[in-house]
Amino acid sequence: MKREVLELRRRLEVTERELNRLSRFEWGYTKQLWKFSLLSWLLGVLLFFLLVLLVEPSLLTGVLEALPLLVLAAAAPLVAVLYFVGRVERRVKKLERSRELLLSRYRRALLDHFEESS
């Protein structure tokens, strides 16, 4: 076969392997990030209450008024998770576009090779 066809096939196989690896990795990575964000938020809230209890227990009466702020504090780890998952998702989409382009070029090169052969 022509060298160009073989090179395109090799690049397509590499792209397919990387796309499959990234797709398998993405789900586990997302689950780990969600678990981490939930645990970090819970730990932060627990440490906050523990410190309030240790420093000045009378401040707990004011904490109930600040409860919406604690809920908003959950947004920080969630935003971080969305950012990191978005990075992986963008990489997957880029690889998918690359695969489609390579597949198109591979088909064209293969057709050209067979037209030359006949």
C-alpha atoms as a PDB file:
ATOM      1  CA  MET A   1       0.000   0.000   0.000  1.00  0.00           C
ATOM      2  CA  LYS A   2       1.014   3.572  -0.402  1.00  0.00           C
ATOM      3  CA  ARG A   3       3.067   5.107   2.348  1.00  0.00           C
ATOM      4  CA  GLU A   4       0.526   7.891   2.844  1.00  0.00           C
ATOM      5  CA  VAL A   5      -2.293   5.387   3.422  1.00  0.00           C
ATOM      6  CA  LEU A   6      -0.225   3.442   5.940  1.00  0.00           C
ATOM      7  CA  GLU A   7       0.780   6.617   7.782  1.00  0.00           C
ATOM      8  CA  LEU A   8      -2.836   7.797   7.942  1.00  0.00           C
ATOM      9  CA  ARG A   9      -3.934   4.386   9.210  1.00  0.00           C
ATOM     10  CA  ARG A  10      -1.299   4.478  11.941  1.00  0.00           C
ATOM     11  CA  ARG A  11      -2.283   8.003  13.015  1.00  0.00           C
ATOM     12  CA  LEU A  12      -5.954   6.999  13.009  1.00  0.00           C
ATOM     13  CA  GLU A  13      -5.234   3.971  15.214  1.00  0.00           C
ATOM     14  CA  VAL A  14      -3.247   6.118  17.660  1.00  0.00           C
ATOM     15  CA  THR A  15      -6.076   8.636  17.820  1.00  0.00           C
ATOM     16  CA  GLU A  16      -8.650   5.870  18.359  1.00  0.00           C
ATOM     17  CA  ARG A  17      -6.610   4.363  21.208  1.00  0.00           C
ATOM     18  CA  GLU A  18      -6.187   7.740  22.887  1.00  0.00           C
ATOM     19  CA  LEU A  19      -9.888   8.512  22.501  1.00  0.00           C
ATOM     20  CA  ASN A  20     -10.865   5.153  24.011  1.00  0.00           C
ATOM     21  CA  ARG A  21      -8.418   5.644  26.892  1.00  0.00           C
ATOM     22  CA  LEU A  22      -9.723   9.131  27.562  1.00  0.00           C
ATOM     23  CA  SER A  23     -13.350   7.988  27.450  1.00  0.00           C
ATOM     24  CA  ARG A  24     -12.664   5.251  30.006  1.00  0.00           C
ATOM     25  CA  PHE A  25     -10.679   7.666  32.160  1.00  0.00           C
ATOM     26  CA  GLU A  26     -13.302  10.428  32.038  1.00  0.00           C
ATOM     27  CA  TRP A  27     -16.016   8.642  34.027  1.00  0.00           C
ATOM     28  CA  GLY A  28     -13.710   7.526  36.852  1.00  0.00           C
ATOM     29  CA  TYR A  29     -12.077  10.944  36.976  1.00  0.00           C
ATOM     30  CA  THR A  30     -15.455  12.684  37.213  1.00  0.00           C
ATOM     31  CA  LYS A  31     -16.613  10.404  40.031  1.00  0.00           C
ATOM     32  CA  GLN A  32     -13.380  11.000  41.959  1.00  0.00           C
ATOM     33  CA  LEU A  33     -13.692  14.766  41.571  1.00  0.00           C
ATOM     34  CA  TRP A  34     -17.317  14.792  42.755  1.00  0.00           C
ATOM     35  CA  LYS A  35     -16.412  12.685  45.779  1.00  0.00           C
ATOM     36  CA  PHE A  36     -13.476  14.961  46.555  1.00  0.00           C
ATOM     37  CA  SER A  37     -15.598  18.107  46.272  1.00  0.00           C
ATOM     38  CA  LEU A  38     -18.303  16.707  48.542  1.00  0.00           C
ATOM     39  CA  LEU A  39     -15.803  15.497  51.123  1.00  0.00           C
ATOM     40  CA  SER A  40     -13.831  18.744  51.074  1.00  0.00           C
ATOM     41  CA  TRP A  41     -17.011  20.765  51.586  1.00  0.00           C
ATOM     42  CA  LEU A  42     -18.151  18.530  54.457  1.00  0.00           C
ATOM     43  CA  LEU A  43     -14.713  18.697  56.053  1.00  0.00           C
ATOM     44  CA  GLY A  44     -14.676  22.490  55.700  1.00  0.00           C
ATOM     45  CA  VAL A  45     -18.094  22.845  57.299  1.00  0.00           C
ATOM     46  CA  LEU A  46     -17.166  20.479  60.131  1.00  0.00           C
ATOM     47  CA  LEU A  47     -13.913  22.323  60.783  1.00  0.00           C
ATOM     48  CA  PHE A  48     -15.775  25.610  60.772  1.00  0.00           C
ATOM     49  CA  PHE A  49     -18.238  24.435  63.408  1.00  0.00           C
ATOM     50  CA  LEU A  50     -15.470  22.819  65.429  1.00  0.00           C
ATOM     51  CA  LEU A  51     -13.453  26.040  65.474  1.00  0.00           C
ATOM     52  CA  VAL A  52     -16.511  28.081  66.407  1.00  0.00           C
ATOM     53  CA  LEU A  53     -17.209  25.675  69.276  1.00  0.00           C
ATOM     54  CA  LEU A  54     -13.600  25.842  70.463  1.00  0.00           C
ATOM     55  CA  VAL A  55     -13.156  29.596  70.182  1.00  0.00           C
ATOM     56  CA  GLU A  56     -16.511  31.022  71.175  1.00  0.00           C
ATOM     57  CA  PRO A  57     -19.533  28.705  71.510  1.00  0.00           C
ATOM     58  CA  SER A  58     -21.873  31.670  71.828  1.00  0.00           C
ATOM     59  CA  LEU A  59     -21.220  32.475  68.149  1.00  0.00           C
ATOM     60  CA  LEU A  60     -23.297  29.424  67.159  1.00  0.00           C
ATOM     61  CA  THR A  61     -26.447  31.471  67.500  1.00  0.00           C
ATOM     62  CA  GLY A  62     -25.209  33.703  64.669  1.00  0.00           C
ATOM     63  CA  VAL A  63     -24.159  30.760  62.530  1.00  0.00           C
ATOM     64  CA  LEU A  64     -27.742  29.889  61.677  1.00  0.00           C
ATOM     65  CA  GLU A  65     -28.089  33.295  60.039  1.00  0.00           C
ATOM     66  CA  ALA A  66     -24.925  32.624  58.057  1.00  0.00           C
ATOM     67  CA  LEU A  67     -26.123  29.205  56.862  1.00  0.00           C
ATOM     68  CA  PRO A  68     -26.731  30.456  53.288  1.00  0.00           C
ATOM     69  CA  LEU A  69     -23.043  31.417  53.156  1.00  0.00           C
ATOM     70  CA  LEU A  70     -22.085  27.868  54.086  1.00  0.00           C
ATOM     71  CA  VAL A  71     -24.251  26.557  51.295  1.00  0.00           C
ATOM     72  CA  LEU A  72     -22.563  28.978  48.892  1.00  0.00           C
ATOM     73  CA  ALA A  73     -19.212  27.664  50.104  1.00  0.00           C
ATOM     74  CA  ALA A  74     -20.157  24.388  48.420  1.00  0.00           C
ATOM     75  CA  ALA A  75     -19.997  26.196  45.088  1.00  0.00           C
ATOM     76  CA  ALA A  76     -16.203  26.533  45.138  1.00  0.00           C
ATOM     77  CA  PRO A  77     -15.382  22.804  44.935  1.00  0.00           C
ATOM     78  CA  LEU A  78     -18.241  22.256  42.488  1.00  0.00           C
ATOM     79  CA  VAL A  79     -16.938  24.969  40.174  1.00  0.00           C
ATOM     80  CA  ALA A  80     -13.487  23.375  40.356  1.00  0.00           C
ATOM     81  CA  VAL A  81     -14.972  19.994  39.414  1.00  0.00           C
ATOM     82  CA  LEU A  82     -16.846  21.490  36.478  1.00  0.00           C
ATOM     83  CA  TYR A  83     -13.670  23.205  35.288  1.00  0.00           C
ATOM     84  CA  PHE A  84     -11.556  20.026  35.374  1.00  0.00           C
ATOM     85  CA  VAL A  85     -14.264  17.856  33.821  1.00  0.00           C
ATOM     86  CA  GLY A  86     -14.713  20.499  31.127  1.00  0.00           C
ATOM     87  CA  ARG A  87     -11.014  20.322  30.300  1.00  0.00           C
ATOM     88  CA  VAL A  88     -11.238  16.566  29.777  1.00  0.00           C
ATOM     89  CA  GLU A  89     -14.421  16.971  27.750  1.00  0.00           C
ATOM     90  CA  ARG A  90     -12.776  19.566  25.493  1.00  0.00           C
ATOM     91  CA  ARG A  91      -9.863  17.203  24.912  1.00  0.00           C
ATOM     92  CA  VAL A  92     -12.246  14.377  24.000  1.00  0.00           C
ATOM     93  CA  LYS A  93     -14.085  16.619  21.519  1.00  0.00           C
ATOM     94  CA  LYS A  94     -10.800  17.742  19.988  1.00  0.00           C
ATOM     95  CA  LEU A  95      -9.744  14.114  19.552  1.00  0.00           C
ATOM     96  CA  GLU A  96     -13.100  13.236  18.013  1.00  0.00           C
ATOM     97  CA  ARG A  97     -12.727  16.052  15.476  1.00  0.00           C
ATOM     98  CA  SER A  98      -9.189  14.901  14.752  1.00  0.00           C
ATOM     99  CA  ARG A  99     -10.393  11.320  14.298  1.00  0.00           C
ATOM    100  CA  GLU A 100     -13.099  12.397  11.857  1.00  0.00           C
ATOM    101  CA  LEU A 101     -10.590  14.409   9.838  1.00  0.00           C
ATOM    102  CA  LEU A 102      -8.095  11.545   9.781  1.00  0.00           C
ATOM    103  CA  LEU A 103     -10.794   9.057   8.840  1.00  0.00           C
ATOM    104  CA  SER A 104     -11.882  11.273   5.974  1.00  0.00           C
ATOM    105  CA  ARG A 105      -8.304  11.671   4.751  1.00  0.00           C
ATOM    106  CA  TYR A 106      -7.688   7.921   5.149  1.00  0.00           C
ATOM    107  CA  ARG A 107     -10.753   7.024   3.077  1.00  0.00           C
ATOM    108  CA  ARG A 108      -9.754   9.506   0.386  1.00  0.00           C
ATOM    109  CA  ALA A 109      -6.183   8.176   0.282  1.00  0.00           C
ATOM    110  CA  LEU A 110      -7.441   4.584   0.182  1.00  0.00           C
ATOM    111  CA  LEU A 111      -9.776   5.385  -2.713  1.00  0.00           C
ATOM    112  CA  ASP A 112      -6.963   7.149  -4.569  1.00  0.00           C
ATOM    113  CA  HIS A 113      -4.723   4.111  -4.022  1.00  0.00           C
ATOM    114  CA  PHE A 114      -7.322   1.683  -5.384  1.00  0.00           C
ATOM    115  CA  GLU A 115      -8.085   3.945  -8.348  1.00  0.00           C
ATOM    116  CA  GLU A 116      -4.385   4.014  -9.191  1.00  0.00           C
ATOM    117  CA  SER A 117      -4.189   0.221  -8.859  1.00  0.00           C
ATOM    118  CA  SER A 118      -7.043  -0.471 -11.259  1.00  0.00           C
END
